[in-house]
Amino acid sequence: MALGQGSVILIGGLDLSVGWSITFCGIILGQLTLGDNSTVIWAVPLVLVIGLVIGLVNGFMIVFFQLPAIVVTLAMNGMLQGIALLLTGGTPTGFAPDSIKWFMTGSVLGVAPAVLFTIAFAIAGYLLLSRTNLGRRIYAVGNNPRVAQLSGVNTGTTTMWVYALSGLCSAIVGIMLTGFSGRAILGMGDAYLLTSIAVVVIGGAVLLAIVARLVQGPILILAHRGRAAPLLVREPPTSSGGH
């Protein structure tokens, strides 16, 4: 959750839809698999795509309709809650396959596979933000969206992909929670909204984003993919020798 929410906060946004994105994706997983291991191979990717689409819709509404991120994501959270209640009638009937339960509670060399996955995912998230063009664009938009746009960054596309990443992370958490508890539970993701924000704040992303906005445009332009822009330096007027 920290990767998705942290990336959103880095660009100056906030994703309030993570709670019911988690719950909704967990419910869909349980309804699709009904405990059958043979369905995992297609059900898990489908749920991940659903989470990705939820994030993309958030990003689309924010970018193309210029709506506040808090309003859009809070509305999405309410919509997902309503859809989940309609699908389940208030009581989810699906449950997790044994393979996903083993992934969460099993043991590989004395360690749960979920722990190993979390470590690998954290490393991948670090590399994404620090070693890829998308990561550099995220920091660029967070520093100053206008300057980032002038330096060649498509701020709208970057914003949409950031919210898509948050939706994908929510789907992963929904799958993991469903596997851990054996079934999806209404409202099981609510506790993770404030947790995701708290983890990011403790990690310093908010402070970094605030400080980063103090960085002026020329520095960002020079740093962005080598597209250096000439700095305009005003030369002092030369005094005439006859005066």
Protein backbone atom coordinates (compact mmCIF):
# COMPACT_ATOMS: atom_id res chain seq x y z
CA MET A 1 0.00 0.00 0.00
CA ALA A 2 2.87 2.39 0.75
CA LEU A 3 4.10 2.25 -2.86
CA GLY A 4 0.73 3.15 -4.37
CA GLN A 5 -0.33 5.75 -1.82
CA GLY A 6 3.21 7.10 -1.56
CA SER A 7 3.42 7.67 -5.32
CA VAL A 8 0.08 9.50 -5.25
CA ILE A 9 1.21 11.69 -2.37
CA LEU A 10 4.49 12.43 -4.15
CA ILE A 11 2.56 14.12 -6.97
CA GLY A 12 0.48 16.08 -4.47
CA GLY A 13 -2.62 13.86 -4.51
CA LEU A 14 -4.38 11.49 -2.15
CA ASP A 15 -6.17 8.22 -2.89
CA LEU A 16 -9.16 7.75 -0.57
CA SER A 17 -10.53 4.83 -2.57
CA VAL A 18 -8.01 2.28 -1.32
CA GLY A 19 -10.31 0.94 1.42
CA TRP A 20 -13.07 -0.35 -0.79
CA SER A 21 -10.72 -1.04 -3.69
CA ILE A 22 -9.13 -3.62 -1.42
CA THR A 23 -12.47 -5.02 -0.32
CA PHE A 24 -13.98 -5.01 -3.81
CA CYS A 25 -11.01 -6.85 -5.36
CA GLY A 26 -11.08 -9.42 -2.55
CA ILE A 27 -14.80 -10.01 -3.06
CA ILE A 28 -14.35 -10.42 -6.82
CA LEU A 29 -11.54 -12.92 -6.26
CA GLY A 30 -13.68 -15.01 -3.92
CA GLN A 31 -16.70 -14.90 -6.23
CA LEU A 32 -14.64 -15.91 -9.25
CA THR A 33 -12.67 -18.75 -7.67
CA LEU A 34 -15.13 -20.20 -5.12
CA GLY A 35 -12.19 -22.05 -3.60
CA ASP A 36 -11.18 -23.77 -6.85
CA ASN A 37 -7.40 -23.83 -7.37
CA SER A 38 -7.78 -24.28 -11.12
CA THR A 39 -9.27 -20.79 -11.45
CA VAL A 40 -6.35 -18.99 -9.80
CA ILE A 41 -4.32 -18.80 -13.00
CA TRP A 42 -6.86 -16.48 -14.65
CA ALA A 43 -8.77 -15.05 -11.68
CA VAL A 44 -5.77 -13.40 -10.03
CA PRO A 45 -4.62 -11.55 -13.20
CA LEU A 46 -8.22 -10.47 -13.81
CA VAL A 47 -8.52 -9.03 -10.31
CA LEU A 48 -5.21 -7.19 -10.78
CA VAL A 49 -6.55 -5.70 -14.01
CA ILE A 50 -9.72 -4.61 -12.19
CA GLY A 51 -7.62 -2.80 -9.60
CA LEU A 52 -5.59 -1.18 -12.38
CA VAL A 53 -8.77 -0.01 -14.12
CA ILE A 54 -10.14 1.46 -10.88
CA GLY A 55 -6.96 3.52 -10.54
CA LEU A 56 -7.03 4.57 -14.20
CA VAL A 57 -10.62 5.80 -13.85
CA ASN A 58 -9.57 7.86 -10.83
CA GLY A 59 -6.67 9.34 -12.76
CA PHE A 60 -8.81 10.01 -15.84
CA MET A 61 -11.42 11.92 -13.85
CA ILE A 62 -8.74 13.97 -12.09
CA VAL A 63 -6.78 14.82 -15.25
CA PHE A 64 -9.47 15.37 -17.87
CA PHE A 65 -12.18 16.91 -15.70
CA GLN A 66 -9.78 18.79 -13.41
CA LEU A 67 -11.56 17.49 -10.32
CA PRO A 68 -9.92 17.42 -6.89
CA ALA A 69 -8.30 14.06 -6.17
CA ILE A 70 -9.97 13.82 -2.76
CA VAL A 71 -13.44 14.25 -4.29
CA VAL A 72 -12.85 11.75 -7.11
CA THR A 73 -11.30 9.01 -4.98
CA LEU A 74 -13.85 9.43 -2.18
CA ALA A 75 -16.65 9.11 -4.75
CA MET A 76 -14.99 6.00 -6.21
CA ASN A 77 -14.76 4.54 -2.71
CA GLY A 78 -18.50 5.00 -2.25
CA MET A 79 -19.29 3.56 -5.68
CA LEU A 80 -17.22 0.45 -5.02
CA GLN A 81 -18.93 -0.01 -1.67
CA GLY A 82 -22.34 0.16 -3.32
CA ILE A 83 -21.39 -2.23 -6.12
CA ALA A 84 -19.94 -4.68 -3.61
CA LEU A 85 -23.13 -4.62 -1.55
CA LEU A 86 -25.22 -5.23 -4.67
CA LEU A 87 -23.03 -8.15 -5.76
CA THR A 88 -23.01 -9.85 -2.40
CA GLY A 89 -26.37 -8.87 -0.95
CA GLY A 90 -24.49 -7.86 2.19
CA THR A 91 -22.81 -11.24 2.67
CA PRO A 92 -19.88 -12.35 0.46
CA THR A 93 -20.28 -16.00 -0.51
CA GLY A 94 -16.96 -16.75 -2.20
CA PHE A 95 -13.82 -17.98 -0.48
CA ALA A 96 -10.13 -18.21 -1.27
CA PRO A 97 -8.53 -21.24 -2.96
CA ASP A 98 -6.07 -23.30 -0.94
CA SER A 99 -3.15 -22.14 -3.08
CA ILE A 100 -3.72 -18.51 -2.09
CA LYS A 101 -4.20 -19.52 1.54
CA TRP A 102 -0.87 -21.35 1.39
CA PHE A 103 0.77 -18.29 -0.14
CA MET A 104 -0.27 -16.28 2.91
CA THR A 105 0.08 -18.81 5.71
CA GLY A 106 2.40 -21.53 4.32
CA SER A 107 6.14 -21.84 4.82
CA VAL A 108 9.19 -21.80 2.58
CA LEU A 109 12.41 -22.35 4.54
CA GLY A 110 10.55 -21.25 7.63
CA VAL A 111 9.23 -18.06 6.06
CA ALA A 112 5.75 -17.41 4.66
CA PRO A 113 5.80 -16.92 0.87
CA ALA A 114 3.91 -13.65 1.38
CA VAL A 115 6.86 -12.28 3.37
CA LEU A 116 9.30 -13.11 0.57
CA PHE A 117 6.90 -11.57 -1.96
CA THR A 118 6.59 -8.39 0.13
CA ILE A 119 10.37 -8.01 0.30
CA ALA A 120 10.71 -8.53 -3.46
CA PHE A 121 7.84 -6.10 -4.10
CA ALA A 122 9.45 -3.44 -1.89
CA ILE A 123 12.71 -3.77 -3.83
CA ALA A 124 10.81 -3.53 -7.13
CA GLY A 125 9.00 -0.43 -5.88
CA TYR A 126 12.29 1.21 -4.91
CA LEU A 127 13.75 0.48 -8.33
CA LEU A 128 10.60 1.77 -10.02
CA LEU A 129 10.79 5.14 -8.28
CA SER A 130 14.55 5.58 -8.42
CA ARG A 131 15.73 3.88 -11.62
CA THR A 132 12.97 4.26 -14.22
CA ASN A 133 11.65 7.07 -16.39
CA LEU A 134 8.25 6.79 -14.69
CA GLY A 135 9.85 7.26 -11.28
CA ARG A 136 11.72 10.35 -12.44
CA ARG A 137 8.52 11.73 -13.95
CA ILE A 138 6.67 11.17 -10.68
CA TYR A 139 9.26 13.19 -8.79
CA ALA A 140 9.25 15.82 -11.54
CA VAL A 141 5.48 16.28 -11.34
CA GLY A 142 5.69 16.36 -7.55
CA ASN A 143 8.40 19.03 -7.66
CA ASN A 144 6.55 21.40 -9.96
CA PRO A 145 3.90 20.23 -12.46
CA ARG A 146 4.25 23.32 -14.68
CA VAL A 147 8.01 23.07 -14.96
CA ALA A 148 7.76 19.33 -15.52
CA GLN A 149 5.38 19.95 -18.40
CA LEU A 150 7.69 22.56 -19.92
CA SER A 151 10.58 20.10 -19.69
CA GLY A 152 8.72 17.49 -21.73
CA VAL A 153 6.92 15.43 -19.08
CA ASN A 154 3.35 14.44 -19.92
CA THR A 155 1.92 15.32 -16.51
CA GLY A 156 -1.56 13.99 -17.31
CA THR A 157 -0.33 10.56 -18.36
CA THR A 158 2.01 10.39 -15.37
CA THR A 159 -0.84 11.24 -13.00
CA MET A 160 -3.06 8.56 -14.51
CA TRP A 161 -0.36 5.90 -14.21
CA VAL A 162 0.30 6.88 -10.60
CA TYR A 163 -3.34 6.32 -9.67
CA ALA A 164 -3.31 3.10 -11.71
CA LEU A 165 -0.34 1.96 -9.62
CA SER A 166 -2.29 2.74 -6.46
CA GLY A 167 -5.24 0.69 -7.74
CA LEU A 168 -2.93 -2.21 -8.60
CA CYS A 169 -1.43 -2.15 -5.12
CA SER A 170 -4.94 -2.15 -3.62
CA ALA A 171 -5.82 -5.22 -5.69
CA ILE A 172 -2.70 -7.03 -4.47
CA VAL A 173 -3.60 -6.24 -0.86
CA GLY A 174 -7.17 -7.43 -1.46
CA ILE A 175 -5.91 -10.75 -2.82
CA MET A 176 -3.52 -11.19 0.10
CA LEU A 177 -6.13 -10.36 2.75
CA THR A 178 -8.63 -12.74 1.17
CA GLY A 179 -6.03 -15.49 1.22
CA PHE A 180 -5.08 -14.76 4.81
CA SER A 181 -8.62 -14.79 6.18
CA GLY A 182 -9.90 -17.44 3.78
CA ARG A 183 -12.63 -15.21 2.38
CA ALA A 184 -13.39 -11.56 1.68
CA ILE A 185 -15.15 -9.59 4.40
CA LEU A 186 -17.14 -6.43 3.83
CA GLY A 187 -15.13 -3.43 4.94
CA MET A 188 -11.91 -5.39 5.40
CA GLY A 189 -9.94 -2.68 3.61
CA ASP A 190 -11.22 0.27 5.65
CA ALA A 191 -8.45 0.01 8.22
CA TYR A 192 -5.78 0.30 5.53
CA LEU A 193 -6.65 3.82 4.33
CA LEU A 194 -5.18 5.66 7.30
CA THR A 195 -2.48 3.01 7.63
CA SER A 196 -1.30 3.62 4.08
CA ILE A 197 -1.13 7.37 4.69
CA ALA A 198 0.61 6.92 8.05
CA VAL A 199 3.26 4.66 6.56
CA VAL A 200 4.01 7.23 3.87
CA VAL A 201 4.17 10.07 6.40
CA ILE A 202 6.46 8.08 8.69
CA GLY A 203 8.60 7.26 5.68
CA GLY A 204 9.02 10.97 5.01
CA ALA A 205 7.39 11.17 1.57
CA VAL A 206 5.15 14.06 2.58
CA LEU A 207 8.05 16.08 3.91
CA LEU A 208 10.06 15.27 0.82
CA ALA A 209 7.19 16.36 -1.42
CA ILE A 210 6.84 19.67 0.43
CA VAL A 211 10.56 20.35 0.30
CA ALA A 212 10.73 19.28 -3.33
CA ARG A 213 8.19 21.94 -4.29
CA LEU A 214 10.71 24.55 -3.13
CA VAL A 215 13.11 23.47 -5.88
CA GLN A 216 12.99 25.96 -8.68
CA GLY A 217 12.40 25.23 -12.35
CA PRO A 218 15.90 25.52 -13.82
CA ILE A 219 17.25 22.82 -11.53
CA LEU A 220 14.48 20.41 -12.55
CA ILE A 221 14.92 21.19 -16.24
CA LEU A 222 18.63 20.50 -16.08
CA ALA A 223 18.07 17.22 -14.24
CA HIS A 224 15.30 15.83 -16.44
CA ARG A 225 16.74 13.35 -18.93
CA GLY A 226 19.53 15.63 -20.00
CA ARG A 227 17.16 18.13 -21.60
CA ALA A 228 19.08 21.08 -20.26
CA ALA A 229 17.55 24.44 -20.82
CA PRO A 230 19.84 27.45 -21.00
CA LEU A 231 19.82 29.52 -17.88
CA LEU A 232 19.30 33.16 -18.65
CA VAL A 233 21.83 35.24 -16.80
CA ARG A 234 21.55 38.97 -17.05
CA GLU A 235 24.92 40.56 -17.58
CA PRO A 236 25.60 43.70 -15.62
CA PRO A 237 25.71 46.86 -17.74
CA THR A 238 29.20 47.87 -18.78
CA SER A 239 30.26 51.32 -17.81
CA SER A 240 31.59 53.61 -20.51
CA GLY A 241 35.14 54.75 -20.10
CA GLY A 242 34.25 58.35 -21.12
CA HIS A 243 31.82 58.85 -18.18
